[in-house]
N, C-alpha and C. Protein backbone atom coordinates (compact mmCIF):
# COMPACT_ATOMS: atom_id res chain seq x y z
N MET A 1 66.81 89.12 135.96
CA MET A 1 65.85 88.64 135.33
C MET A 1 64.28 89.64 135.05
N SER A 2 64.20 90.89 136.21
CA SER A 2 62.86 91.43 136.27
C SER A 2 63.07 92.25 134.62
N ARG A 3 64.22 92.80 134.48
CA ARG A 3 64.49 94.12 132.95
C ARG A 3 64.00 92.65 131.91
N ALA A 4 65.00 91.14 132.28
CA ALA A 4 64.38 90.49 130.42
C ALA A 4 63.23 90.62 130.70
N LEU A 5 62.32 90.75 131.43
CA LEU A 5 60.36 90.07 131.66
C LEU A 5 60.70 91.12 131.20
N GLN A 6 60.70 92.87 131.50
CA GLN A 6 60.16 93.89 130.89
C GLN A 6 60.66 94.16 129.38
N PHE A 7 61.39 93.27 128.97
CA PHE A 7 62.33 93.27 127.59
C PHE A 7 61.19 92.19 126.87
N ILE A 8 60.47 91.24 127.17
CA ILE A 8 59.43 90.90 126.93
C ILE A 8 58.57 91.51 126.63
N LEU A 9 57.89 92.09 127.49
CA LEU A 9 56.50 92.40 127.51
C LEU A 9 56.52 93.56 126.54
N LEU A 10 58.12 94.80 126.41
CA LEU A 10 57.42 95.40 125.55
C LEU A 10 57.24 94.55 124.04
N CYS A 11 58.70 93.62 123.74
CA CYS A 11 58.64 93.07 122.56
C CYS A 11 57.02 92.57 122.27
N CYS A 12 56.16 91.93 122.98
CA CYS A 12 55.09 91.68 122.87
C CYS A 12 53.68 92.87 123.25
N LEU A 13 54.71 93.81 122.80
CA LEU A 13 53.41 95.61 122.92
C LEU A 13 53.66 95.67 121.55
N TRP A 14 54.96 95.27 121.18
CA TRP A 14 54.98 96.36 119.75
C TRP A 14 54.73 95.07 118.77
N GLY A 15 54.96 94.00 119.43
CA GLY A 15 54.72 92.75 118.35
C GLY A 15 53.16 92.89 117.62
N SER A 16 52.34 93.45 119.28
CA SER A 16 51.15 93.16 119.03
C SER A 16 50.37 94.29 117.68
N TRP A 17 50.85 95.81 118.19
CA TRP A 17 51.11 96.40 117.49
C TRP A 17 51.24 96.05 115.71
N GLY A 18 52.18 95.65 115.31
CA GLY A 18 53.08 94.92 114.25
C GLY A 18 51.91 94.80 113.85
N LEU A 19 51.07 93.31 114.45
CA LEU A 19 50.11 92.57 114.03
C LEU A 19 48.73 93.21 113.72
N PHE A 20 48.63 94.76 114.14
CA PHE A 20 47.97 95.71 114.11
C PHE A 20 47.60 96.71 112.64
N LEU A 21 49.29 96.59 112.07
CA LEU A 21 49.61 97.08 111.22
C LEU A 21 49.56 96.69 109.89
N ALA A 22 50.16 95.21 110.55
CA ALA A 22 49.98 94.09 109.11
C ALA A 22 48.61 94.39 108.94
N SER A 23 47.16 94.04 110.06
CA SER A 23 46.41 93.76 109.74
C SER A 23 45.24 94.28 108.54
N PHE A 24 45.80 96.09 108.33
CA PHE A 24 45.66 96.91 107.03
C PHE A 24 45.77 95.96 105.70
N LEU A 25 47.09 95.42 105.84
CA LEU A 25 47.34 94.50 104.34
C LEU A 25 47.27 93.59 104.02
N LEU A 26 46.18 93.05 104.62
CA LEU A 26 45.72 91.71 104.74
C LEU A 26 43.84 91.69 104.34
N PRO A 27 43.50 90.50 103.61
CA PRO A 27 42.36 90.52 103.43
C PRO A 27 40.95 90.49 104.55
N ALA A 28 40.00 91.84 104.96
CA ALA A 28 39.51 92.10 105.70
C ALA A 28 38.04 91.81 105.85
N TYR A 29 37.78 92.23 104.63
CA TYR A 29 36.40 92.09 104.16
C TYR A 29 35.86 91.64 102.70
N GLU A 30 34.82 91.10 102.80
CA GLU A 30 34.27 90.55 100.92
C GLU A 30 32.59 90.88 100.74
N GLY A 31 32.69 91.82 102.04
CA GLY A 31 30.87 92.78 101.66
C GLY A 31 30.37 94.17 100.53
N LEU A 32 31.72 94.30 100.80
CA LEU A 32 31.61 95.56 99.71
C LEU A 32 31.94 95.70 98.82
N GLN A 33 32.21 96.20 97.51
CA GLN A 33 32.78 96.44 96.81
C GLN A 33 33.88 98.26 96.66
N GLY A 34 34.38 97.71 96.63
CA GLY A 34 35.63 98.65 96.65
C GLY A 34 35.42 99.34 95.60
N ALA A 35 36.16 100.88 95.65
CA ALA A 35 36.63 101.23 94.58
C ALA A 35 37.45 100.95 92.90
N GLY A 36 37.16 100.75 92.22
CA GLY A 36 38.18 100.41 91.12
C GLY A 36 38.48 98.41 91.59
N THR A 37 37.81 97.64 92.44
CA THR A 37 37.95 96.61 92.44
C THR A 37 36.76 95.36 91.64
N GLU A 38 37.13 94.35 91.14
CA GLU A 38 35.60 93.57 91.11
C GLU A 38 35.26 93.76 91.43
N PRO A 39 33.71 92.99 91.71
CA PRO A 39 32.34 92.35 92.67
C PRO A 39 32.92 91.42 93.35
N GLY A 40 33.27 90.60 94.69
CA GLY A 40 33.16 89.91 95.19
C GLY A 40 35.03 89.85 95.67
N THR A 41 35.66 90.79 95.03
CA THR A 41 37.24 90.20 95.26
C THR A 41 37.25 91.09 96.93
N PRO A 42 37.86 90.49 97.79
CA PRO A 42 38.41 90.91 99.23
C PRO A 42 38.36 92.29 99.11
N LEU A 43 38.52 93.28 100.67
CA LEU A 43 39.24 94.31 100.28
C LEU A 43 39.78 94.07 101.26
N LEU A 44 41.24 94.27 101.36
CA LEU A 44 42.01 95.11 102.56
C LEU A 44 41.76 95.58 103.65
N GLY A 45 43.09 95.44 104.40
CA GLY A 45 42.02 96.22 105.93
C GLY A 45 41.50 97.24 105.67
N TRP A 46 42.75 98.24 104.84
CA TRP A 46 42.57 99.60 105.12
C TRP A 46 41.58 99.91 103.44
N GLN A 47 40.87 98.96 103.09
CA GLN A 47 39.28 99.38 101.86
C GLN A 47 38.73 99.49 102.55
N ALA A 48 38.85 98.41 103.46
CA ALA A 48 37.25 98.27 104.32
C ALA A 48 37.49 99.63 105.27
N MET A 49 38.26 99.66 106.05
CA MET A 49 37.50 101.41 106.27
C MET A 49 37.90 102.47 106.06
N LEU A 50 38.08 102.12 105.03
CA LEU A 50 37.63 103.15 104.45
C LEU A 50 36.13 103.65 103.70
N ASP A 51 36.14 102.20 102.66
CA ASP A 51 35.29 101.74 102.32
C ASP A 51 33.43 102.07 103.09
N SER A 52 34.24 101.70 105.01
CA SER A 52 32.75 101.25 105.00
C SER A 52 32.80 103.32 105.75
N LEU A 53 33.27 104.03 106.04
CA LEU A 53 33.17 105.51 106.09
C LEU A 53 32.47 106.16 105.01
N TYR A 54 33.14 105.84 103.90
CA TYR A 54 32.17 106.32 102.11
C TYR A 54 31.12 106.15 102.20
N LEU A 55 30.57 104.59 102.97
CA LEU A 55 29.10 103.78 102.75
C LEU A 55 28.66 104.92 103.39
N LEU A 56 28.95 105.13 104.97
CA LEU A 56 28.35 105.86 105.80
C LEU A 56 28.11 107.17 105.63
N SER A 57 28.92 108.03 104.82
CA SER A 57 29.10 109.42 104.58
C SER A 57 27.95 109.44 103.73
N ALA A 58 27.92 108.20 102.34
CA ALA A 58 26.91 108.85 101.57
C ALA A 58 25.43 108.12 101.05
N LYS A 59 25.39 107.05 102.64
CA LYS A 59 24.27 106.76 102.61
C LYS A 59 23.86 106.86 103.99
N ILE A 60 24.08 107.40 104.82
CA ILE A 60 23.60 108.00 106.69
C ILE A 60 21.97 107.56 106.59
N TRP A 61 21.33 107.46 105.56
CA TRP A 61 19.52 106.67 106.18
C TRP A 61 19.72 105.83 106.40
N VAL A 62 21.50 104.98 106.31
CA VAL A 62 21.23 103.28 106.33
C VAL A 62 21.68 103.28 108.35
N VAL A 63 21.70 104.47 108.77
CA VAL A 63 22.30 104.65 110.45
C VAL A 63 20.78 104.99 111.07
N LEU A 64 19.47 105.13 110.41
CA LEU A 64 17.80 105.05 110.38
C LEU A 64 17.41 104.01 110.73
N ILE A 65 18.21 102.87 109.69
CA ILE A 65 17.05 101.75 109.52
C ILE A 65 18.35 100.74 110.71
N LYS A 66 19.65 101.42 110.74
CA LYS A 66 20.30 99.79 111.77
C LYS A 66 21.18 101.43 111.98
N PRO A 67 20.79 101.60 113.19
CA PRO A 67 21.38 102.47 114.70
C PRO A 67 22.93 101.69 115.19
N SER A 68 23.34 100.32 114.86
CA SER A 68 24.58 99.59 114.41
C SER A 68 25.05 99.80 113.70
N PHE A 69 24.62 100.47 112.74
CA PHE A 69 26.12 100.51 111.98
C PHE A 69 26.60 101.78 112.01
N LEU A 70 26.22 102.71 113.17
CA LEU A 70 26.77 103.83 113.91
C LEU A 70 28.19 103.92 113.89
N LEU A 71 28.59 102.48 114.74
CA LEU A 71 29.82 101.57 115.11
C LEU A 71 31.07 102.19 114.23
N PHE A 72 30.52 101.93 112.73
CA PHE A 72 31.55 101.82 111.91
C PHE A 72 32.06 103.92 112.28
N PHE A 73 31.80 104.55 112.56
CA PHE A 73 31.99 105.83 113.01
C PHE A 73 32.97 105.88 113.66
N LEU A 74 33.04 104.41 114.42
CA LEU A 74 33.73 104.27 115.88
C LEU A 74 35.50 104.21 115.30
N THR A 75 35.18 103.37 114.19
CA THR A 75 36.50 102.56 113.48
C THR A 75 38.30 103.75 113.82
N PRO A 76 37.45 105.20 112.73
CA PRO A 76 38.74 105.66 112.86
C PRO A 76 39.03 105.44 114.27
N ILE A 77 37.73 106.36 115.08
CA ILE A 77 38.98 106.31 116.80
C ILE A 77 39.89 105.67 117.22
N THR A 78 38.76 104.59 116.72
CA THR A 78 40.28 103.54 117.74
C THR A 78 41.64 103.42 116.83
N ASN A 79 41.42 103.47 115.52
CA ASN A 79 42.31 103.69 114.34
C ASN A 79 43.39 104.03 115.35
N VAL A 80 43.10 105.24 115.83
CA VAL A 80 44.30 106.68 115.81
C VAL A 80 44.61 106.40 117.60
N PHE A 81 43.52 105.37 118.25
CA PHE A 81 43.99 105.46 119.51
C PHE A 81 45.14 103.84 120.23
N ILE A 82 44.81 103.00 118.91
CA ILE A 82 45.13 101.86 118.55
C ILE A 82 46.99 102.29 118.15
N LEU A 83 47.10 103.38 117.49
CA LEU A 83 47.83 103.64 116.40
C LEU A 83 48.86 103.66 117.53
N PHE A 84 48.72 105.44 118.39
CA PHE A 84 49.32 106.01 119.33
C PHE A 84 49.73 105.11 120.80
N ALA A 85 49.44 103.82 121.25
CA ALA A 85 49.22 103.45 122.41
C ALA A 85 50.05 103.28 122.69
N PRO A 86 52.04 102.11 122.37
CA PRO A 86 52.72 101.67 122.23
C PRO A 86 52.73 103.07 123.10
N TRP A 87 53.56 104.44 122.30
CA TRP A 87 54.02 105.74 122.30
C TRP A 87 53.21 106.10 124.03
N LEU A 88 51.67 105.67 123.90
CA LEU A 88 51.52 106.58 125.14
C LEU A 88 51.74 105.26 126.32
N ALA A 89 52.15 104.01 126.21
CA ALA A 89 52.18 103.01 127.07
C ALA A 89 53.67 103.34 127.82
N LEU A 90 54.61 104.02 126.69
CA LEU A 90 56.38 104.27 127.40
C LEU A 90 56.13 105.45 127.93
N ALA A 91 55.47 106.42 127.98
CA ALA A 91 55.07 107.86 128.05
C ALA A 91 54.90 107.82 129.28
N ALA A 92 54.42 106.16 129.95
CA ALA A 92 53.75 107.27 131.09
C ALA A 92 53.59 105.25 131.89
N ARG A 93 54.96 104.95 131.63
CA ARG A 93 54.92 102.99 132.41
C ARG A 93 54.23 103.14 133.33
N GLU A 94 54.43 103.03 134.05
CA GLU A 94 54.30 102.67 135.56
C GLU A 94 52.59 103.03 135.38
N ASN A 95 51.83 103.68 134.64
CA ASN A 95 50.35 104.30 134.64
C ASN A 95 49.95 103.54 133.46
N CYS A 96 50.32 102.70 132.59
CA CYS A 96 50.12 102.41 131.33
C CYS A 96 48.86 100.87 131.73
N TRP A 97 48.81 100.41 132.83
CA TRP A 97 47.90 99.62 132.59
C TRP A 97 46.24 100.63 132.58
N THR A 98 45.90 101.80 132.77
CA THR A 98 45.04 101.98 132.75
C THR A 98 44.50 102.32 131.44
N LEU A 99 45.73 101.65 130.22
CA LEU A 99 45.61 102.02 128.99
C LEU A 99 44.34 100.73 128.49
N ALA A 100 44.41 99.53 128.97
CA ALA A 100 44.20 98.54 128.93
C ALA A 100 43.09 98.26 128.77
N PRO A 101 42.20 98.85 129.49
CA PRO A 101 40.56 98.92 129.82
C PRO A 101 39.91 99.43 127.70
N ILE A 102 40.88 100.26 128.01
CA ILE A 102 40.00 101.49 126.89
C ILE A 102 40.49 100.21 126.01
N LEU A 103 42.13 100.12 125.31
CA LEU A 103 41.95 98.79 124.68
C LEU A 103 41.33 98.05 124.25
N VAL A 104 40.45 97.34 124.97
CA VAL A 104 39.44 96.15 125.52
C VAL A 104 38.67 96.48 125.22
N VAL A 105 37.92 97.58 126.00
CA VAL A 105 36.46 98.54 124.91
C VAL A 105 36.78 98.60 123.53
N SER A 106 37.76 99.27 123.36
CA SER A 106 37.79 99.39 121.56
C SER A 106 37.75 97.98 120.51
N SER A 107 38.24 97.37 121.51
CA SER A 107 38.16 96.52 120.38
C SER A 107 36.54 95.26 120.44
N ALA A 108 36.33 95.41 122.09
CA ALA A 108 34.61 94.88 122.11
C ALA A 108 33.75 95.65 121.51
N ILE A 109 34.10 96.76 121.05
CA ILE A 109 32.78 97.65 120.24
C ILE A 109 32.53 96.70 118.86
N MET A 110 33.54 96.72 118.37
CA MET A 110 33.60 95.88 117.06
C MET A 110 32.44 94.41 117.27
N TRP A 111 32.76 93.81 118.27
CA TRP A 111 31.64 92.63 118.37
C TRP A 111 30.31 93.18 118.17
N PHE A 112 29.97 94.26 118.55
CA PHE A 112 28.45 94.41 118.18
C PHE A 112 27.50 95.22 116.97
N LEU A 113 28.84 95.41 115.75
CA LEU A 113 28.31 95.31 114.54
C LEU A 113 26.96 94.61 114.15
N PRO A 114 26.21 95.07 113.52
CA PRO A 114 25.64 93.88 112.92
C PRO A 114 26.19 92.72 112.88
N VAL A 115 25.20 91.78 112.53
CA VAL A 115 25.21 90.46 111.78
C VAL A 115 25.71 90.12 110.48
N GLU A 116 25.49 91.54 109.64
CA GLU A 116 25.70 91.51 108.22
C GLU A 116 26.85 91.43 108.28
N VAL A 117 27.54 91.85 108.46
CA VAL A 117 28.87 91.96 108.69
C VAL A 117 29.46 91.05 109.01
N TYR A 118 29.69 90.12 110.34
CA TYR A 118 30.17 89.60 110.33
C TYR A 118 30.24 88.52 109.30
N GLU A 119 29.34 87.99 108.71
CA GLU A 119 29.68 87.30 107.29
C GLU A 119 30.37 87.57 106.01
N SER A 120 30.81 88.37 106.70
CA SER A 120 31.96 88.39 104.73
C SER A 120 33.39 89.45 105.51
N THR A 121 33.36 88.71 106.61
CA THR A 121 34.84 88.84 107.97
C THR A 121 35.39 88.14 107.49
N LEU A 122 37.15 88.78 106.70
CA LEU A 122 38.14 87.34 106.68
C LEU A 122 39.07 88.02 108.23
N TYR A 123 40.02 87.12 108.15
CA TYR A 123 41.27 86.73 108.87
C TYR A 123 41.82 88.21 109.06
N GLY A 124 41.94 89.52 108.63
CA GLY A 124 42.39 90.31 108.10
C GLY A 124 41.83 91.44 109.50
N PHE A 125 40.29 91.12 108.95
CA PHE A 125 39.73 92.17 110.36
C PHE A 125 39.76 91.11 111.88
N TRP A 126 39.84 89.88 111.99
CA TRP A 126 40.82 90.03 113.19
C TRP A 126 41.62 89.22 113.72
N ILE A 127 42.16 89.94 113.43
CA ILE A 127 43.29 90.20 113.89
C ILE A 127 43.97 91.64 113.48
N TRP A 128 42.87 92.62 112.93
CA TRP A 128 42.76 93.86 113.57
C TRP A 128 42.26 94.09 114.75
N ASN A 129 41.15 93.46 114.99
CA ASN A 129 40.31 92.88 115.94
C ASN A 129 40.89 92.80 117.70
N LEU A 130 41.70 91.73 117.53
CA LEU A 130 42.84 91.21 118.48
C LEU A 130 44.00 91.64 118.82
N SER A 131 44.40 92.14 118.15
CA SER A 131 45.74 92.90 117.79
C SER A 131 45.87 94.32 119.31
N PRO A 132 44.57 94.41 119.64
CA PRO A 132 44.46 95.68 121.51
C PRO A 132 43.90 94.73 122.52
N VAL A 133 44.08 93.83 122.24
CA VAL A 133 43.44 92.87 123.06
C VAL A 133 45.24 92.27 123.47
N GLY A 134 45.62 91.99 122.56
CA GLY A 134 47.15 91.87 122.98
C GLY A 134 47.69 92.32 123.56
N MET A 135 47.38 94.22 123.26
CA MET A 135 48.06 95.32 123.69
C MET A 135 47.55 94.71 124.76
N ALA A 136 47.20 95.16 125.31
CA ALA A 136 45.94 95.05 126.23
C ALA A 136 46.56 93.63 127.76
N ILE A 137 46.73 93.07 127.15
CA ILE A 137 46.89 92.35 127.76
C ILE A 137 48.57 91.75 128.48
N THR A 138 49.31 92.45 127.49
CA THR A 138 51.22 92.54 127.95
C THR A 138 51.21 94.53 129.11
N LEU A 139 49.68 95.05 128.94
CA LEU A 139 50.00 96.59 129.69
C LEU A 139 50.03 95.99 131.64
N LEU A 140 49.45 94.92 131.65
CA LEU A 140 49.50 95.02 133.28
C LEU A 140 50.78 94.46 134.40
N PRO A 141 51.11 93.93 133.38
CA PRO A 141 52.40 92.95 133.83
C PRO A 141 53.46 93.88 133.35
N LEU A 142 53.64 94.80 131.93
CA LEU A 142 54.99 95.56 132.08
C LEU A 142 54.18 96.90 133.05
N ALA A 143 53.14 97.28 133.59
CA ALA A 143 52.93 97.56 134.62
C ALA A 143 54.15 97.39 136.28
N THR A 144 53.25 96.43 136.01
CA THR A 144 54.08 96.33 137.80
C THR A 144 55.86 95.75 137.61
N VAL A 145 55.60 95.42 136.69
CA VAL A 145 57.18 94.97 136.67
C VAL A 145 58.23 96.71 136.67
N THR A 146 58.07 97.50 135.60
CA THR A 146 58.56 98.77 136.07
C THR A 146 58.50 99.53 137.08
N TYR A 147 56.88 99.36 137.28
CA TYR A 147 56.80 99.63 138.78
C TYR A 147 57.97 98.64 140.03
N TYR A 148 57.93 97.47 140.04
CA TYR A 148 58.96 96.52 140.90
C TYR A 148 60.39 97.22 140.32
N LEU A 149 61.09 97.72 139.60
CA LEU A 149 62.28 97.82 138.82
C LEU A 149 61.96 99.48 139.43
N ASP A 150 61.82 100.30 139.20
CA ASP A 150 61.69 101.53 139.68
C ASP A 150 61.67 102.26 141.08
N MET A 151 60.56 100.86 142.04
CA MET A 151 61.37 100.90 143.31
C MET A 151 61.79 100.54 144.25
N ARG A 152 63.06 99.34 143.66
CA ARG A 152 63.42 98.82 144.20
C ARG A 152 64.99 100.00 144.75
N PRO A 153 65.32 99.62 145.38
CA PRO A 153 66.82 100.66 145.94
C PRO A 153 68.25 100.25 144.81
N LEU A 154 68.29 100.46 144.85
CA LEU A 154 69.30 100.71 144.20
C LEU A 154 70.72 100.60 144.84
N ARG A 155 70.95 99.40 144.71
CA ARG A 155 73.12 98.90 144.69
C ARG A 155 74.21 99.90 144.64
N VAL A 156 74.66 100.23 145.98
CA VAL A 156 76.02 101.43 146.04
C VAL A 156 77.45 100.73 146.22
N THR A 157 78.21 100.67 145.15
CA THR A 157 78.98 99.77 145.25
C THR A 157 80.54 101.32 145.28
N THR A 158 81.09 100.81 146.52
CA THR A 158 82.15 101.66 146.84
C THR A 158 83.64 100.41 146.30
N PRO A 159 84.54 101.66 145.91
CA PRO A 159 85.93 100.70 145.49
C PRO A 159 86.67 100.24 147.01
């Protein structure tokens, strides 16, 4: 039963990671005009991430007016962390629960973006934003089940 539960939790972890990757191909934002796109065309997740970084690098004065726009600089850091989170969890299964708060915080940071940003978000943004929470929810039981399986004495059968 424990091995089956561990397998299910690993599937949930990789499923959340798959949603994270899929969110880059879904419409995420329609407040910016992407390079080579018509005005009003929704940006895909990867386009929105690149265009937000371009916006901040080209118009850094925006940060002086609204300091909360600095959070845009954190999206690449959270993306890299979320991208490698399943492998970090597998490398240290018994301690993978320590990744859960970091994943939740990386998701919660985006909730403090300015209101102007949220007015134009689409479902791809929310899938991107909630996928680390899905990963975090699976890490605590995964660490517990792994600890239980590793600490259980092996049954030795003799012929």
